[in-house]
Amino acid sequence: MKNNNRMTRINDEILKELSQILRSEIKDPRVGVMTSVLRVDTTPDLKYCKAYISVLGNDDEKASVMKGLKNATGFIRRLLAQRVNLRNTPELIFKLDDSVEYSIRMSKLIDEISKNNSSSSGDDEDNE
């Protein structure tokens, strides 16, 4: 239980600092404003940290952002080491997370179906 709380605190701190680094420290134009860190998962031995990144844009922009992050991984890790007090700073692994775009797409589909159902039920009432 205690170890789980510690991992949660570490993940929260890494998430906060990583978000700040991406927002203000990275000068690479490929890593744009529409990039955000959704969550991080650090292994219990603190050797690796998977950072799930959301990028709003087309597939080319996503690939460009991921390439920029991959190129800046060492720099980002060094900044993270300065900000987070850990004996060893985990190796960063960036993963693209499309869950936000998927949610937006599903929401639009639900709205469209809802709109179609309400317009067709209005037609049924007119026929009575």
C-alpha atoms as a PDB file:
ATOM      1  CA  MET A   1       0.000   0.000   0.000  1.00  0.00           C
ATOM      2  CA  LYS A   2       2.742   2.435   0.985  1.00  0.00           C
ATOM      3  CA  ASN A   3       4.718   1.623  -2.161  1.00  0.00           C
ATOM      4  CA  ASN A   4       1.616   2.201  -4.309  1.00  0.00           C
ATOM      5  CA  ASN A   5       1.142   5.674  -2.793  1.00  0.00           C
ATOM      6  CA  ARG A   6       4.792   6.440  -3.460  1.00  0.00           C
ATOM      7  CA  MET A   7       4.466   5.405  -7.122  1.00  0.00           C
ATOM      8  CA  THR A   8       1.348   7.551  -7.469  1.00  0.00           C
ATOM      9  CA  ARG A   9       3.184  10.565  -6.034  1.00  0.00           C
ATOM     10  CA  ILE A  10       6.192   9.955  -8.290  1.00  0.00           C
ATOM     11  CA  ASN A  11       3.978   9.592 -11.374  1.00  0.00           C
ATOM     12  CA  ASP A  12       2.076  12.775 -10.482  1.00  0.00           C
ATOM     13  CA  GLU A  13       5.291  14.736  -9.976  1.00  0.00           C
ATOM     14  CA  ILE A  14       6.821  13.471 -13.234  1.00  0.00           C
ATOM     15  CA  LEU A  15       3.590  14.277 -15.084  1.00  0.00           C
ATOM     16  CA  LYS A  16       3.542  17.826 -13.714  1.00  0.00           C
ATOM     17  CA  GLU A  17       7.206  18.512 -14.483  1.00  0.00           C
ATOM     18  CA  LEU A  18       7.099  16.837 -17.896  1.00  0.00           C
ATOM     19  CA  SER A  19       4.087  18.944 -18.874  1.00  0.00           C
ATOM     20  CA  GLN A  20       5.899  22.091 -17.760  1.00  0.00           C
ATOM     21  CA  ILE A  21       9.046  21.116 -19.674  1.00  0.00           C
ATOM     22  CA  LEU A  22       7.115  20.448 -22.889  1.00  0.00           C
ATOM     23  CA  ARG A  23       5.197  23.704 -22.535  1.00  0.00           C
ATOM     24  CA  SER A  24       8.082  26.049 -21.743  1.00  0.00           C
ATOM     25  CA  GLU A  25      11.517  24.475 -22.245  1.00  0.00           C
ATOM     26  CA  ILE A  26      11.387  22.678 -25.598  1.00  0.00           C
ATOM     27  CA  LYS A  27      12.348  24.999 -28.434  1.00  0.00           C
ATOM     28  CA  ASP A  28      11.745  22.446 -31.206  1.00  0.00           C
ATOM     29  CA  PRO A  29       8.946  23.803 -33.438  1.00  0.00           C
ATOM     30  CA  ARG A  30       7.744  20.255 -34.104  1.00  0.00           C
ATOM     31  CA  VAL A  31       6.646  19.951 -30.481  1.00  0.00           C
ATOM     32  CA  GLY A  32       3.812  22.438 -30.694  1.00  0.00           C
ATOM     33  CA  VAL A  33       1.191  23.979 -28.501  1.00  0.00           C
ATOM     34  CA  MET A  34      -1.331  21.215 -29.168  1.00  0.00           C
ATOM     35  CA  THR A  35       0.829  18.628 -27.382  1.00  0.00           C
ATOM     36  CA  SER A  36      -0.022  17.478 -23.870  1.00  0.00           C
ATOM     37  CA  VAL A  37       0.984  14.721 -21.480  1.00  0.00           C
ATOM     38  CA  LEU A  38      -2.066  12.669 -20.503  1.00  0.00           C
ATOM     39  CA  ARG A  39      -0.473  10.282 -18.034  1.00  0.00           C
ATOM     40  CA  VAL A  40       2.787   8.633 -17.075  1.00  0.00           C
ATOM     41  CA  ASP A  41       3.482   5.094 -15.893  1.00  0.00           C
ATOM     42  CA  THR A  42       6.765   4.540 -14.106  1.00  0.00           C
ATOM     43  CA  THR A  43       8.069   1.043 -13.467  1.00  0.00           C
ATOM     44  CA  PRO A  44       8.440   0.118  -9.768  1.00  0.00           C
ATOM     45  CA  ASP A  45      12.244   0.043 -10.083  1.00  0.00           C
ATOM     46  CA  LEU A  46      12.131   3.601 -11.559  1.00  0.00           C
ATOM     47  CA  LYS A  47      14.178   2.578 -14.586  1.00  0.00           C
ATOM     48  CA  TYR A  48      11.566   3.429 -17.229  1.00  0.00           C
ATOM     49  CA  CYS A  49       8.744   5.904 -17.537  1.00  0.00           C
ATOM     50  CA  LYS A  50       6.161   5.711 -20.312  1.00  0.00           C
ATOM     51  CA  ALA A  51       4.666   9.111 -21.058  1.00  0.00           C
ATOM     52  CA  TYR A  52       1.401   9.044 -22.993  1.00  0.00           C
ATOM     53  CA  ILE A  53       1.220  12.078 -25.272  1.00  0.00           C
ATOM     54  CA  SER A  54      -1.841  13.563 -26.935  1.00  0.00           C
ATOM     55  CA  VAL A  55      -1.375  15.554 -30.130  1.00  0.00           C
ATOM     56  CA  LEU A  56      -4.268  17.334 -31.786  1.00  0.00           C
ATOM     57  CA  GLY A  57      -3.666  17.390 -35.517  1.00  0.00           C
ATOM     58  CA  ASN A  58      -3.346  15.177 -38.541  1.00  0.00           C
ATOM     59  CA  ASP A  59      -1.184  12.064 -38.802  1.00  0.00           C
ATOM     60  CA  ASP A  60       1.786  13.974 -40.272  1.00  0.00           C
ATOM     61  CA  GLU A  61       1.778  16.436 -37.368  1.00  0.00           C
ATOM     62  CA  LYS A  62       1.575  13.570 -34.875  1.00  0.00           C
ATOM     63  CA  ALA A  63       4.525  11.801 -36.483  1.00  0.00           C
ATOM     64  CA  SER A  64       6.492  15.049 -36.502  1.00  0.00           C
ATOM     65  CA  VAL A  65       5.804  15.705 -32.812  1.00  0.00           C
ATOM     66  CA  MET A  66       6.786  12.161 -31.841  1.00  0.00           C
ATOM     67  CA  LYS A  67      10.010  12.464 -33.853  1.00  0.00           C
ATOM     68  CA  GLY A  68      10.777  15.778 -32.139  1.00  0.00           C
ATOM     69  CA  LEU A  69      10.154  14.248 -28.709  1.00  0.00           C
ATOM     70  CA  LYS A  70      12.347  11.267 -29.531  1.00  0.00           C
ATOM     71  CA  ASN A  71      15.175  13.593 -30.562  1.00  0.00           C
ATOM     72  CA  ALA A  72      14.788  15.668 -27.375  1.00  0.00           C
ATOM     73  CA  THR A  73      14.489  12.714 -24.967  1.00  0.00           C
ATOM     74  CA  GLY A  74      17.973  13.157 -23.480  1.00  0.00           C
ATOM     75  CA  PHE A  75      17.472  16.893 -22.956  1.00  0.00           C
ATOM     76  CA  ILE A  76      14.043  16.344 -21.393  1.00  0.00           C
ATOM     77  CA  ARG A  77      15.415  13.640 -19.090  1.00  0.00           C
ATOM     78  CA  ARG A  78      18.235  15.932 -17.955  1.00  0.00           C
ATOM     79  CA  LEU A  79      15.750  18.724 -17.134  1.00  0.00           C
ATOM     80  CA  LEU A  80      13.524  16.225 -15.339  1.00  0.00           C
ATOM     81  CA  ALA A  81      16.507  15.053 -13.249  1.00  0.00           C
ATOM     82  CA  GLN A  82      17.098  18.644 -12.113  1.00  0.00           C
ATOM     83  CA  ARG A  83      13.453  19.104 -11.095  1.00  0.00           C
ATOM     84  CA  VAL A  84      12.491  15.744  -9.568  1.00  0.00           C
ATOM     85  CA  ASN A  85      14.408  14.498  -6.537  1.00  0.00           C
ATOM     86  CA  LEU A  86      15.067  10.838  -7.371  1.00  0.00           C
ATOM     87  CA  ARG A  87      18.265   8.829  -7.089  1.00  0.00           C
ATOM     88  CA  ASN A  88      17.936   7.706 -10.714  1.00  0.00           C
ATOM     89  CA  THR A  89      15.882   9.508 -13.319  1.00  0.00           C
ATOM     90  CA  PRO A  90      13.846   7.029 -15.359  1.00  0.00           C
ATOM     91  CA  GLU A  91      14.461   6.574 -19.062  1.00  0.00           C
ATOM     92  CA  LEU A  92      11.611   8.273 -20.918  1.00  0.00           C
ATOM     93  CA  ILE A  93       9.534   6.431 -23.494  1.00  0.00           C
ATOM     94  CA  PHE A  94       7.003   8.566 -25.346  1.00  0.00           C
ATOM     95  CA  LYS A  95       3.819   6.871 -26.583  1.00  0.00           C
ATOM     96  CA  LEU A  96       1.147   8.484 -28.733  1.00  0.00           C
ATOM     97  CA  ASP A  97      -2.304   8.357 -27.115  1.00  0.00           C
ATOM     98  CA  ASP A  98      -5.311   8.884 -29.397  1.00  0.00           C
ATOM     99  CA  SER A  99      -7.932   8.487 -26.672  1.00  0.00           C
ATOM    100  CA  VAL A 100      -8.851  12.196 -26.680  1.00  0.00           C
ATOM    101  CA  GLU A 101      -9.499  12.247 -30.420  1.00  0.00           C
ATOM    102  CA  TYR A 102     -11.402   8.969 -30.147  1.00  0.00           C
ATOM    103  CA  SER A 103     -13.592  10.471 -27.413  1.00  0.00           C
ATOM    104  CA  ILE A 104     -14.288  13.564 -29.514  1.00  0.00           C
ATOM    105  CA  ARG A 105     -15.206  11.407 -32.508  1.00  0.00           C
ATOM    106  CA  MET A 106     -17.530   9.227 -30.400  1.00  0.00           C
ATOM    107  CA  SER A 107     -19.167  12.304 -28.884  1.00  0.00           C
ATOM    108  CA  LYS A 108     -19.842  13.711 -32.361  1.00  0.00           C
ATOM    109  CA  LEU A 109     -21.347  10.396 -33.471  1.00  0.00           C
ATOM    110  CA  ILE A 110     -23.605  10.266 -30.423  1.00  0.00           C
ATOM    111  CA  ASP A 111     -24.723  13.858 -31.012  1.00  0.00           C
ATOM    112  CA  GLU A 112     -25.427  13.074 -34.670  1.00  0.00           C
ATOM    113  CA  ILE A 113     -27.463   9.964 -33.788  1.00  0.00           C
ATOM    114  CA  SER A 114     -29.329  11.893 -31.109  1.00  0.00           C
ATOM    115  CA  LYS A 115     -30.107  14.668 -33.577  1.00  0.00           C
ATOM    116  CA  ASN A 116     -31.311  12.154 -36.187  1.00  0.00           C
ATOM    117  CA  ASN A 117     -33.514  10.384 -33.624  1.00  0.00           C
ATOM    118  CA  SER A 118     -35.077  13.619 -32.418  1.00  0.00           C
ATOM    119  CA  SER A 119     -35.783  14.792 -35.978  1.00  0.00           C
ATOM    120  CA  SER A 120     -37.279  11.415 -36.952  1.00  0.00           C
ATOM    121  CA  SER A 121     -39.430  11.303 -33.795  1.00  0.00           C
ATOM    122  CA  GLY A 122     -40.679  14.782 -34.702  1.00  0.00           C
ATOM    123  CA  ASP A 123     -41.677  13.432 -38.125  1.00  0.00           C
ATOM    124  CA  ASP A 124     -43.553  10.540 -36.448  1.00  0.00           C
ATOM    125  CA  GLU A 125     -45.560  12.982 -34.334  1.00  0.00           C
ATOM    126  CA  ASP A 126     -46.530  14.942 -37.472  1.00  0.00           C
ATOM    127  CA  ASN A 127     -47.886  11.755 -39.092  1.00  0.00           C
ATOM    128  CA  GLU A 128     -50.318  11.059 -36.207  1.00  0.00           C
END
